[in-house]
């Protein structure tokens, strides 16, 4: 299981997040997604811990807690949704034969 941590300060580091969660058990992985263009943290992250009991304790204790000037949102991460292709509308503005309609 993975824990979603939202509303983080943009200056937070993986080490910072690991230290906070390690108070509730062994942290096995921390991810802080960054913006592709700026390289800046996106304000959320994911934490994985060694046991589900440690994860539950961390969620219980940290959800709604203020840290680095922000109120954290901490819960079980949901599986990533498949958003499909981003290629667009395909035949937008064309009829079945592939030619544009005349209006």
PDB file of N, CA and C in Angstrom:
ATOM      1  N   UNK A   1       0.840  -1.181   0.000  1.00  0.00           N
ATOM      2  CA  UNK A   1       0.000   0.000   0.000  1.00  0.00           C
ATOM      3  C   UNK A   1       0.882   1.240   0.000  1.00  0.00           C
ATOM      4  N   UNK A   2       0.331   2.285  -0.536  1.00  0.00           N
ATOM      5  CA  UNK A   2       1.036   3.550  -0.580  1.00  0.00           C
ATOM      6  C   UNK A   2       0.166   4.612   0.088  1.00  0.00           C
ATOM      7  N   UNK A   3       0.805   5.591   0.672  1.00  0.00           N
ATOM      8  CA  UNK A   3       0.105   6.688   1.337  1.00  0.00           C
ATOM      9  C   UNK A   3       0.230   7.931   0.472  1.00  0.00           C
ATOM     10  N   UNK A   4      -0.897   8.591   0.218  1.00  0.00           N
ATOM     11  CA  UNK A   4      -0.906   9.867  -0.491  1.00  0.00           C
ATOM     12  C   UNK A   4      -0.755  10.979   0.539  1.00  0.00           C
ATOM     13  N   UNK A   5       0.135  11.925   0.269  1.00  0.00           N
ATOM     14  CA  UNK A   5       0.336  13.064   1.155  1.00  0.00           C
ATOM     15  C   UNK A   5       0.163  14.325   0.316  1.00  0.00           C
ATOM     16  N   UNK A   6      -0.892  15.068   0.584  1.00  0.00           N
ATOM     17  CA  UNK A   6      -1.188  16.259  -0.209  1.00  0.00           C
ATOM     18  C   UNK A   6      -1.055  17.544   0.577  1.00  0.00           C
ATOM     19  N   UNK A   7      -1.102  18.645  -0.150  1.00  0.00           N
ATOM     20  CA  UNK A   7      -0.992  19.995   0.375  1.00  0.00           C
ATOM     21  C   UNK A   7       0.356  20.225   1.058  1.00  0.00           C
ATOM     22  N   UNK A   8       1.401  19.717   0.411  1.00  0.00           N
ATOM     23  CA  UNK A   8       2.753  19.889   0.944  1.00  0.00           C
ATOM     24  C   UNK A   8       3.354  21.212   0.484  1.00  0.00           C
ATOM     25  N   UNK A   9       4.272  21.718   1.262  1.00  0.00           N
ATOM     26  CA  UNK A   9       5.042  22.887   0.875  1.00  0.00           C
ATOM     27  C   UNK A   9       5.866  22.517  -0.359  1.00  0.00           C
ATOM     28  N   UNK A  10       6.048  23.472  -1.264  1.00  0.00           N
ATOM     29  CA  UNK A  10       6.829  23.203  -2.469  1.00  0.00           C
ATOM     30  C   UNK A  10       8.314  23.037  -2.158  1.00  0.00           C
ATOM     31  N   UNK A  11       8.739  23.403  -0.959  1.00  0.00           N
ATOM     32  CA  UNK A  11      10.151  23.274  -0.592  1.00  0.00           C
ATOM     33  C   UNK A  11      10.463  21.964   0.135  1.00  0.00           C
ATOM     34  N   UNK A  12       9.475  21.112   0.345  1.00  0.00           N
ATOM     35  CA  UNK A  12       9.698  19.856   1.063  1.00  0.00           C
ATOM     36  C   UNK A  12      10.601  18.940   0.233  1.00  0.00           C
ATOM     37  N   UNK A  13      11.433  18.165   0.941  1.00  0.00           N
ATOM     38  CA  UNK A  13      12.318  17.203   0.280  1.00  0.00           C
ATOM     39  C   UNK A  13      11.909  15.783   0.672  1.00  0.00           C
ATOM     40  N   UNK A  14      12.461  14.810  -0.035  1.00  0.00           N
ATOM     41  CA  UNK A  14      12.188  13.415   0.295  1.00  0.00           C
ATOM     42  C   UNK A  14      12.674  13.095   1.704  1.00  0.00           C
ATOM     43  N   UNK A  15      13.821  13.653   2.088  1.00  0.00           N
ATOM     44  CA  UNK A  15      14.343  13.431   3.441  1.00  0.00           C
ATOM     45  C   UNK A  15      13.406  14.006   4.501  1.00  0.00           C
ATOM     46  N   UNK A  16      12.872  15.211   4.257  1.00  0.00           N
ATOM     47  CA  UNK A  16      11.936  15.818   5.204  1.00  0.00           C
ATOM     48  C   UNK A  16      10.735  14.906   5.431  1.00  0.00           C
ATOM     49  N   UNK A  17      10.156  14.435   4.330  1.00  0.00           N
ATOM     50  CA  UNK A  17       8.960  13.602   4.407  1.00  0.00           C
ATOM     51  C   UNK A  17       9.275  12.268   5.083  1.00  0.00           C
ATOM     52  N   UNK A  18      10.417  11.714   4.772  1.00  0.00           N
ATOM     53  CA  UNK A  18      10.822  10.451   5.377  1.00  0.00           C
ATOM     54  C   UNK A  18      10.974  10.593   6.895  1.00  0.00           C
ATOM     55  N   UNK A  19      11.566  11.702   7.340  1.00  0.00           N
ATOM     56  CA  UNK A  19      11.749  11.924   8.781  1.00  0.00           C
ATOM     57  C   UNK A  19      10.414  12.000   9.513  1.00  0.00           C
ATOM     58  N   UNK A  20       9.458  12.700   8.927  1.00  0.00           N
ATOM     59  CA  UNK A  20       8.144  12.842   9.578  1.00  0.00           C
ATOM     60  C   UNK A  20       7.452  11.489   9.697  1.00  0.00           C
ATOM     61  N   UNK A  21       7.473  10.712   8.626  1.00  0.00           N
ATOM     62  CA  UNK A  21       6.773   9.427   8.645  1.00  0.00           C
ATOM     63  C   UNK A  21       7.526   8.360   9.424  1.00  0.00           C
ATOM     64  N   UNK A  22       8.833   8.494   9.566  1.00  0.00           N
ATOM     65  CA  UNK A  22       9.612   7.482  10.289  1.00  0.00           C
ATOM     66  C   UNK A  22       9.286   7.456  11.779  1.00  0.00           C
ATOM     67  N   UNK A  23       8.602   8.478  12.273  1.00  0.00           N
ATOM     68  CA  UNK A  23       8.160   8.464  13.676  1.00  0.00           C
ATOM     69  C   UNK A  23       7.109   7.387  13.915  1.00  0.00           C
ATOM     70  N   UNK A  24       6.511   6.854  12.829  1.00  0.00           N
ATOM     71  CA  UNK A  24       5.436   5.868  12.953  1.00  0.00           C
ATOM     72  C   UNK A  24       5.844   4.489  12.455  1.00  0.00           C
ATOM     73  N   UNK A  25       7.085   4.341  11.974  1.00  0.00           N
ATOM     74  CA  UNK A  25       7.580   3.056  11.493  1.00  0.00           C
ATOM     75  C   UNK A  25       8.639   3.260  10.419  1.00  0.00           C
ATOM     76  N   UNK A  26       9.099   2.159   9.866  1.00  0.00           N
ATOM     77  CA  UNK A  26      10.155   2.203   8.859  1.00  0.00           C
ATOM     78  C   UNK A  26       9.600   2.620   7.500  1.00  0.00           C
ATOM     79  N   UNK A  27      10.177   3.666   6.943  1.00  0.00           N
ATOM     80  CA  UNK A  27       9.786   4.157   5.620  1.00  0.00           C
ATOM     81  C   UNK A  27      10.614   3.416   4.583  1.00  0.00           C
ATOM     82  N   UNK A  28       9.941   2.817   3.595  1.00  0.00           N
ATOM     83  CA  UNK A  28      10.659   2.066   2.569  1.00  0.00           C
ATOM     84  C   UNK A  28      10.819   2.850   1.265  1.00  0.00           C
ATOM     85  N   UNK A  29       9.957   3.843   1.029  1.00  0.00           N
ATOM     86  CA  UNK A  29      10.044   4.606  -0.216  1.00  0.00           C
ATOM     87  C   UNK A  29       9.304   5.928  -0.083  1.00  0.00           C
ATOM     88  N   UNK A  30       9.865   6.978  -0.672  1.00  0.00           N
ATOM     89  CA  UNK A  30       9.221   8.292  -0.726  1.00  0.00           C
ATOM     90  C   UNK A  30       9.328   8.794  -2.157  1.00  0.00           C
ATOM     91  N   UNK A  31       8.225   9.276  -2.697  1.00  0.00           N
ATOM     92  CA  UNK A  31       8.197   9.857  -4.039  1.00  0.00           C
ATOM     93  C   UNK A  31       7.611  11.250  -3.967  1.00  0.00           C
ATOM     94  N   UNK A  32       8.281  12.201  -4.573  1.00  0.00           N
ATOM     95  CA  UNK A  32       7.765  13.568  -4.688  1.00  0.00           C
ATOM     96  C   UNK A  32       7.760  13.937  -6.174  1.00  0.00           C
ATOM     97  N   UNK A  33       6.617  13.798  -6.834  1.00  0.00           N
ATOM     98  CA  UNK A  33       6.557  14.144  -8.252  1.00  0.00           C
ATOM     99  C   UNK A  33       6.918  15.612  -8.484  1.00  0.00           C
ATOM    100  N   UNK A  34       7.611  15.861  -9.590  1.00  0.00           N
ATOM    101  CA  UNK A  34       8.004  17.227  -9.929  1.00  0.00           C
ATOM    102  C   UNK A  34       7.371  17.645 -11.251  1.00  0.00           C
ATOM    103  N   UNK A  35       7.225  18.940 -11.416  1.00  0.00           N
ATOM    104  CA  UNK A  35       6.703  19.498 -12.653  1.00  0.00           C
ATOM    105  C   UNK A  35       7.729  19.287 -13.762  1.00  0.00           C
ATOM    106  N   UNK A  36       7.284  18.849 -14.917  1.00  0.00           N
ATOM    107  CA  UNK A  36       8.210  18.560 -16.021  1.00  0.00           C
ATOM    108  C   UNK A  36       8.947  19.800 -16.506  1.00  0.00           C
ATOM    109  N   UNK A  37       8.254  20.918 -16.536  1.00  0.00           N
ATOM    110  CA  UNK A  37       8.854  22.132 -17.085  1.00  0.00           C
ATOM    111  C   UNK A  37       9.753  22.864 -16.092  1.00  0.00           C
ATOM    112  N   UNK A  38       9.300  22.983 -14.841  1.00  0.00           N
ATOM    113  CA  UNK A  38      10.051  23.775 -13.866  1.00  0.00           C
ATOM    114  C   UNK A  38      10.960  22.933 -12.973  1.00  0.00           C
ATOM    115  N   UNK A  39      10.670  21.637 -12.847  1.00  0.00           N
ATOM    116  CA  UNK A  39      11.438  20.779 -11.959  1.00  0.00           C
ATOM    117  C   UNK A  39      11.076  20.961 -10.496  1.00  0.00           C
ATOM    118  N   UNK A  40      10.105  21.821 -10.222  1.00  0.00           N
ATOM    119  CA  UNK A  40       9.675  22.109  -8.848  1.00  0.00           C
ATOM    120  C   UNK A  40       8.702  21.033  -8.360  1.00  0.00           C
ATOM    121  N   UNK A  41       8.740  20.749  -7.069  1.00  0.00           N
ATOM    122  CA  UNK A  41       7.800  19.794  -6.477  1.00  0.00           C
ATOM    123  C   UNK A  41       6.370  20.250  -6.759  1.00  0.00           C
ATOM    124  N   UNK A  42       5.461  19.288  -6.896  1.00  0.00           N
ATOM    125  CA  UNK A  42       4.081  19.599  -7.262  1.00  0.00           C
ATOM    126  C   UNK A  42       3.147  19.746  -6.065  1.00  0.00           C
ATOM    127  N   UNK A  43       3.671  19.613  -4.857  1.00  0.00           N
ATOM    128  CA  UNK A  43       2.849  19.843  -3.673  1.00  0.00           C
ATOM    129  C   UNK A  43       2.183  18.599  -3.115  1.00  0.00           C
ATOM    130  N   UNK A  44       2.564  17.442  -3.624  1.00  0.00           N
ATOM    131  CA  UNK A  44       2.060  16.190  -3.071  1.00  0.00           C
ATOM    132  C   UNK A  44       3.125  15.124  -3.231  1.00  0.00           C
ATOM    133  N   UNK A  45       2.910  14.005  -2.534  1.00  0.00           N
ATOM    134  CA  UNK A  45       3.874  12.919  -2.616  1.00  0.00           C
ATOM    135  C   UNK A  45       3.268  11.607  -2.178  1.00  0.00           C
ATOM    136  N   UNK A  46       4.091  10.572  -2.211  1.00  0.00           N
ATOM    137  CA  UNK A  46       3.658   9.235  -1.820  1.00  0.00           C
ATOM    138  C   UNK A  46       4.714   8.635  -0.900  1.00  0.00           C
ATOM    139  N   UNK A  47       4.238   7.954   0.127  1.00  0.00           N
ATOM    140  CA  UNK A  47       5.132   7.319   1.096  1.00  0.00           C
ATOM    141  C   UNK A  47       4.716   5.858   1.227  1.00  0.00           C
ATOM    142  N   UNK A  48       5.703   4.963   1.221  1.00  0.00           N
ATOM    143  CA  UNK A  48       5.444   3.549   1.486  1.00  0.00           C
ATOM    144  C   UNK A  48       6.186   3.175   2.749  1.00  0.00           C
ATOM    145  N   UNK A  49       5.522   2.374   3.584  1.00  0.00           N
ATOM    146  CA  UNK A  49       6.116   1.969   4.858  1.00  0.00           C
ATOM    147  C   UNK A  49       6.174   0.450   4.933  1.00  0.00           C
ATOM    148  N   UNK A  50       6.985  -0.032   5.868  1.00  0.00           N
ATOM    149  CA  UNK A  50       7.247  -1.458   5.981  1.00  0.00           C
ATOM    150  C   UNK A  50       6.012  -2.282   6.347  1.00  0.00           C
ATOM    151  N   UNK A  51       5.116  -1.730   7.157  1.00  0.00           N
ATOM    152  CA  UNK A  51       3.937  -2.500   7.563  1.00  0.00           C
ATOM    153  C   UNK A  51       2.670  -1.659   7.413  1.00  0.00           C
ATOM    154  N   UNK A  52       1.564  -2.356   7.230  1.00  0.00           N
ATOM    155  CA  UNK A  52       0.292  -1.649   7.106  1.00  0.00           C
ATOM    156  C   UNK A  52      -0.105  -1.008   8.439  1.00  0.00           C
ATOM    157  N   UNK A  53       0.323  -1.597   9.551  1.00  0.00           N
ATOM    158  CA  UNK A  53       0.036  -0.999  10.865  1.00  0.00           C
ATOM    159  C   UNK A  53       0.735   0.351  10.998  1.00  0.00           C
ATOM    160  N   UNK A  54       1.978   0.448  10.510  1.00  0.00           N
ATOM    161  CA  UNK A  54       2.713   1.713  10.552  1.00  0.00           C
ATOM    162  C   UNK A  54       2.047   2.742   9.635  1.00  0.00           C
ATOM    163  N   UNK A  55       1.597   2.293   8.465  1.00  0.00           N
ATOM    164  CA  UNK A  55       0.920   3.203   7.541  1.00  0.00           C
ATOM    165  C   UNK A  55      -0.374   3.737   8.150  1.00  0.00           C
ATOM    166  N   UNK A  56      -1.154   2.843   8.758  1.00  0.00           N
ATOM    167  CA  UNK A  56      -2.409   3.270   9.391  1.00  0.00           C
ATOM    168  C   UNK A  56      -2.154   4.260  10.516  1.00  0.00           C
ATOM    169  N   UNK A  57      -1.117   4.014  11.325  1.00  0.00           N
ATOM    170  CA  UNK A  57      -0.780   4.920  12.428  1.00  0.00           C
ATOM    171  C   UNK A  57      -0.371   6.291  11.899  1.00  0.00           C
ATOM    172  N   UNK A  58       0.421   6.311  10.831  1.00  0.00           N
ATOM    173  CA  UNK A  58       0.861   7.575  10.244  1.00  0.00           C
ATOM    174  C   UNK A  58      -0.318   8.352   9.657  1.00  0.00           C
ATOM    175  N   UNK A  59      -1.206   7.656   8.959  1.00  0.00           N
ATOM    176  CA  UNK A  59      -2.389   8.316   8.390  1.00  0.00           C
ATOM    177  C   UNK A  59      -3.234   8.922   9.500  1.00  0.00           C
ATOM    178  N   UNK A  60      -3.485   8.132  10.538  1.00  0.00           N
ATOM    179  CA  UNK A  60      -4.304   8.587  11.666  1.00  0.00           C
ATOM    180  C   UNK A  60      -3.709   9.838  12.326  1.00  0.00           C
ATOM    181  N   UNK A  61      -2.395   9.828  12.511  1.00  0.00           N
ATOM    182  CA  UNK A  61      -1.736  10.919  13.233  1.00  0.00           C
ATOM    183  C   UNK A  61      -1.508  12.160  12.376  1.00  0.00           C
ATOM    184  N   UNK A  62      -1.228  11.980  11.089  1.00  0.00           N
ATOM    185  CA  UNK A  62      -0.784  13.109  10.279  1.00  0.00           C
ATOM    186  C   UNK A  62      -1.863  13.762   9.413  1.00  0.00           C
ATOM    187  N   UNK A  63      -2.974  13.072   9.158  1.00  0.00           N
ATOM    188  CA  UNK A  63      -4.025  13.689   8.357  1.00  0.00           C
ATOM    189  C   UNK A  63      -4.601  14.896   9.100  1.00  0.00           C
ATOM    190  N   UNK A  64      -4.491  16.062   8.489  1.00  0.00           N
ATOM    191  CA  UNK A  64      -4.981  17.296   9.100  1.00  0.00           C
ATOM    192  C   UNK A  64      -3.952  18.004   9.971  1.00  0.00           C
ATOM    193  N   UNK A  65      -2.768  17.420  10.104  1.00  0.00           N
ATOM    194  CA  UNK A  65      -1.714  18.045  10.918  1.00  0.00           C
ATOM    195  C   UNK A  65      -1.058  19.182  10.142  1.00  0.00           C
ATOM    196  N   UNK A  66      -0.671  20.223  10.865  1.00  0.00           N
ATOM    197  CA  UNK A  66       0.031  21.339  10.237  1.00  0.00           C
ATOM    198  C   UNK A  66       1.525  21.036  10.227  1.00  0.00           C
ATOM    199  N   UNK A  67       2.137  21.215   9.054  1.00  0.00           N
ATOM    200  CA  UNK A  67       3.569  20.972   8.893  1.00  0.00           C
ATOM    201  C   UNK A  67       4.105  21.912   7.827  1.00  0.00           C
ATOM    202  N   UNK A  68       5.153  22.618   8.151  1.00  0.00           N
ATOM    203  CA  UNK A  68       5.788  23.581   7.251  1.00  0.00           C
ATOM    204  C   UNK A  68       4.783  24.627   6.744  1.00  0.00           C
ATOM    205  N   UNK A  69       3.896  25.043   7.657  1.00  0.00           N
ATOM    206  CA  UNK A  69       2.938  26.092   7.322  1.00  0.00           C
ATOM    207  C   UNK A  69       1.740  25.631   6.520  1.00  0.00           C
ATOM    208  N   UNK A  70       1.543  24.339   6.364  1.00  0.00           N
ATOM    209  CA  UNK A  70       0.418  23.805   5.593  1.00  0.00           C
ATOM    210  C   UNK A  70      -0.280  22.706   6.378  1.00  0.00           C
ATOM    211  N   UNK A  71      -1.568  22.523   6.122  1.00  0.00           N
ATOM    212  CA  UNK A  71      -2.329  21.436   6.737  1.00  0.00           C
ATOM    213  C   UNK A  71      -2.302  20.258   5.765  1.00  0.00           C
ATOM    214  N   UNK A  72      -1.643  19.183   6.161  1.00  0.00           N
ATOM    215  CA  UNK A  72      -1.465  18.024   5.283  1.00  0.00           C
ATOM    216  C   UNK A  72      -2.755  17.230   5.105  1.00  0.00           C
ATOM    217  N   UNK A  73      -2.901  16.676   3.924  1.00  0.00           N
ATOM    218  CA  UNK A  73      -3.969  15.721   3.628  1.00  0.00           C
ATOM    219  C   UNK A  73      -3.283  14.379   3.450  1.00  0.00           C
ATOM    220  N   UNK A  74      -3.568  13.428   4.326  1.00  0.00           N
ATOM    221  CA  UNK A  74      -2.877  12.136   4.318  1.00  0.00           C
ATOM    222  C   UNK A  74      -3.916  11.021   4.292  1.00  0.00           C
ATOM    223  N   UNK A  75      -3.848  10.164   3.278  1.00  0.00           N
ATOM    224  CA  UNK A  75      -4.761   9.025   3.204  1.00  0.00           C
ATOM    225  C   UNK A  75      -4.167   7.913   2.348  1.00  0.00           C
ATOM    226  N   UNK A  76      -4.867   6.786   2.276  1.00  0.00           N
ATOM    227  CA  UNK A  76      -4.407   5.685   1.441  1.00  0.00           C
ATOM    228  C   UNK A  76      -4.478   6.133  -0.015  1.00  0.00           C
ATOM    229  N   UNK A  77      -3.414   5.872  -0.745  1.00  0.00           N
ATOM    230  CA  UNK A  77      -3.377   6.254  -2.153  1.00  0.00           C
ATOM    231  C   UNK A  77      -4.311   5.347  -2.945  1.00  0.00           C
ATOM    232  N   UNK A  78      -5.035   5.946  -3.873  1.00  0.00           N
ATOM    233  CA  UNK A  78      -5.900   5.170  -4.756  1.00  0.00           C
ATOM    234  C   UNK A  78      -5.091   4.731  -5.966  1.00  0.00           C
ATOM    235  N   UNK A  79      -5.457   3.597  -6.555  1.00  0.00           N
ATOM    236  CA  UNK A  79      -4.744   3.160  -7.764  1.00  0.00           C
ATOM    237  C   UNK A  79      -4.860   4.213  -8.863  1.00  0.00           C
ATOM    238  N   UNK A  80      -3.829   4.321  -9.642  1.00  0.00           N
ATOM    239  CA  UNK A  80      -3.796   5.296 -10.721  1.00  0.00           C
ATOM    240  C   UNK A  80      -4.829   4.941 -11.784  1.00  0.00           C
ATOM    241  N   UNK A  81      -5.585   5.929 -12.229  1.00  0.00           N
ATOM    242  CA  UNK A  81      -6.590   5.695 -13.264  1.00  0.00           C
ATOM    243  C   UNK A  81      -5.950   5.754 -14.633  1.00  0.00           C
ATOM    244  N   UNK A  82      -6.401   4.864 -15.520  1.00  0.00           N
ATOM    245  CA  UNK A  82      -5.910   4.884 -16.898  1.00  0.00           C
ATOM    246  C   UNK A  82      -6.694   5.951 -17.644  1.00  0.00           C
ATOM    247  N   UNK A  83      -5.994   7.006 -18.040  1.00  0.00           N
ATOM    248  CA  UNK A  83      -6.663   8.113 -18.720  1.00  0.00           C
ATOM    249  C   UNK A  83      -6.727   7.903 -20.224  1.00  0.00           C
ATOM    250  N   UNK A  84      -6.168   6.814 -20.707  1.00  0.00           N
ATOM    251  CA  UNK A  84      -6.230   6.503 -22.129  1.00  0.00           C
ATOM    252  C   UNK A  84      -5.341   7.408 -22.951  1.00  0.00           C
ATOM    253  N   UNK A  85      -5.607   7.412 -24.227  1.00  0.00           N
ATOM    254  CA  UNK A  85      -4.814   8.192 -25.164  1.00  0.00           C
ATOM    255  C   UNK A  85      -5.128   9.670 -25.057  1.00  0.00           C
ATOM    256  N   UNK A  86      -4.121  10.491 -25.237  1.00  0.00           N
ATOM    257  CA  UNK A  86      -4.301  11.936 -25.223  1.00  0.00           C
ATOM    258  C   UNK A  86      -4.203  12.501 -26.634  1.00  0.00           C
ATOM    259  N   UNK A  87      -4.505  11.676 -27.634  1.00  0.00           N
ATOM    260  CA  UNK A  87      -4.301  12.102 -29.015  1.00  0.00           C
ATOM    261  C   UNK A  87      -5.353  13.073 -29.510  1.00  0.00           C
ATOM    262  N   UNK A  88      -6.446  13.221 -28.809  1.00  0.00           N
ATOM    263  CA  UNK A  88      -7.442  14.197 -29.224  1.00  0.00           C
ATOM    264  C   UNK A  88      -8.675  13.538 -29.792  1.00  0.00           C
ATOM    265  N   UNK A  89      -9.395  14.305 -30.586  1.00  0.00           N
ATOM    266  CA  UNK A  89     -10.707  13.888 -31.056  1.00  0.00           C
ATOM    267  C   UNK A  89     -10.718  13.037 -32.294  1.00  0.00           C
ATOM    268  N   UNK A  90      -9.612  12.781 -32.912  1.00  0.00           N
ATOM    269  CA  UNK A  90      -9.594  11.898 -34.069  1.00  0.00           C
ATOM    270  C   UNK A  90     -10.274  12.494 -35.289  1.00  0.00           C
ATOM    271  N   UNK A  91     -11.539  12.213 -35.479  1.00  0.00           N
ATOM    272  CA  UNK A  91     -12.261  12.640 -36.680  1.00  0.00           C
ATOM    273  C   UNK A  91     -13.058  13.916 -36.482  1.00  0.00           C
ATOM    274  N   UNK A  92     -12.687  14.730 -35.573  1.00  0.00           N
ATOM    275  CA  UNK A  92     -13.430  15.951 -35.308  1.00  0.00           C
ATOM    276  C   UNK A  92     -13.526  16.786 -36.576  1.00  0.00           C
ATOM    277  N   UNK A  93     -14.738  17.159 -36.935  1.00  0.00           N
ATOM    278  CA  UNK A  93     -14.958  18.007 -38.102  1.00  0.00           C
ATOM    279  C   UNK A  93     -14.892  17.269 -39.424  1.00  0.00           C
ATOM    280  N   UNK A  94     -14.876  15.955 -39.409  1.00  0.00           N
ATOM    281  CA  UNK A  94     -14.813  15.182 -40.662  1.00  0.00           C
ATOM    282  C   UNK A  94     -15.969  14.202 -40.708  1.00  0.00           C
ATOM    283  N   UNK A  95     -16.414  13.911 -41.902  1.00  0.00           N
ATOM    284  CA  UNK A  95     -17.474  12.911 -42.044  1.00  0.00           C
ATOM    285  C   UNK A  95     -16.834  11.534 -42.230  1.00  0.00           C
ATOM    286  N   UNK A  96     -17.634  10.524 -42.462  1.00  0.00           N
ATOM    287  CA  UNK A  96     -17.138   9.148 -42.541  1.00  0.00           C
ATOM    288  C   UNK A  96     -16.119   8.946 -43.655  1.00  0.00           C
ATOM    289  N   UNK A  97     -16.188   9.752 -44.719  1.00  0.00           N
ATOM    290  CA  UNK A  97     -15.245   9.569 -45.820  1.00  0.00           C
ATOM    291  C   UNK A  97     -13.907  10.260 -45.549  1.00  0.00           C
ATOM    292  N   UNK A  98     -13.828  11.000 -44.461  1.00  0.00           N
ATOM    293  CA  UNK A  98     -12.571  11.644 -44.108  1.00  0.00           C
ATOM    294  C   UNK A  98     -12.438  13.071 -44.593  1.00  0.00           C
ATOM    295  N   UNK A  99     -13.454  13.569 -45.262  1.00  0.00           N
ATOM    296  CA  UNK A  99     -13.391  14.948 -45.780  1.00  0.00           C
ATOM    297  C   UNK A  99     -14.180  15.898 -44.887  1.00  0.00           C
ATOM    298  N   UNK A 100     -13.759  17.131 -44.837  1.00  0.00           N
ATOM    299  CA  UNK A 100     -14.461  18.124 -44.036  1.00  0.00           C
ATOM    300  C   UNK A 100     -15.839  18.402 -44.630  1.00  0.00           C
ATOM    301  N   UNK A 101     -16.774  18.681 -43.751  1.00  0.00           N
ATOM    302  CA  UNK A 101     -18.134  19.019 -44.188  1.00  0.00           C
ATOM    303  C   UNK A 101     -18.178  20.443 -44.698  1.00  0.00           C
ATOM    304  N   UNK A 102     -19.041  20.677 -45.638  1.00  0.00           N
ATOM    305  CA  UNK A 102     -19.268  22.028 -46.135  1.00  0.00           C
ATOM    306  C   UNK A 102     -20.518  22.560 -45.464  1.00  0.00           C
ATOM    307  N   UNK A 103     -20.449  23.788 -44.986  1.00  0.00           N
ATOM    308  CA  UNK A 103     -21.597  24.383 -44.291  1.00  0.00           C
ATOM    309  C   UNK A 103     -22.187  25.505 -45.086  1.00  0.00           C
TER     310      UNK A 103
END
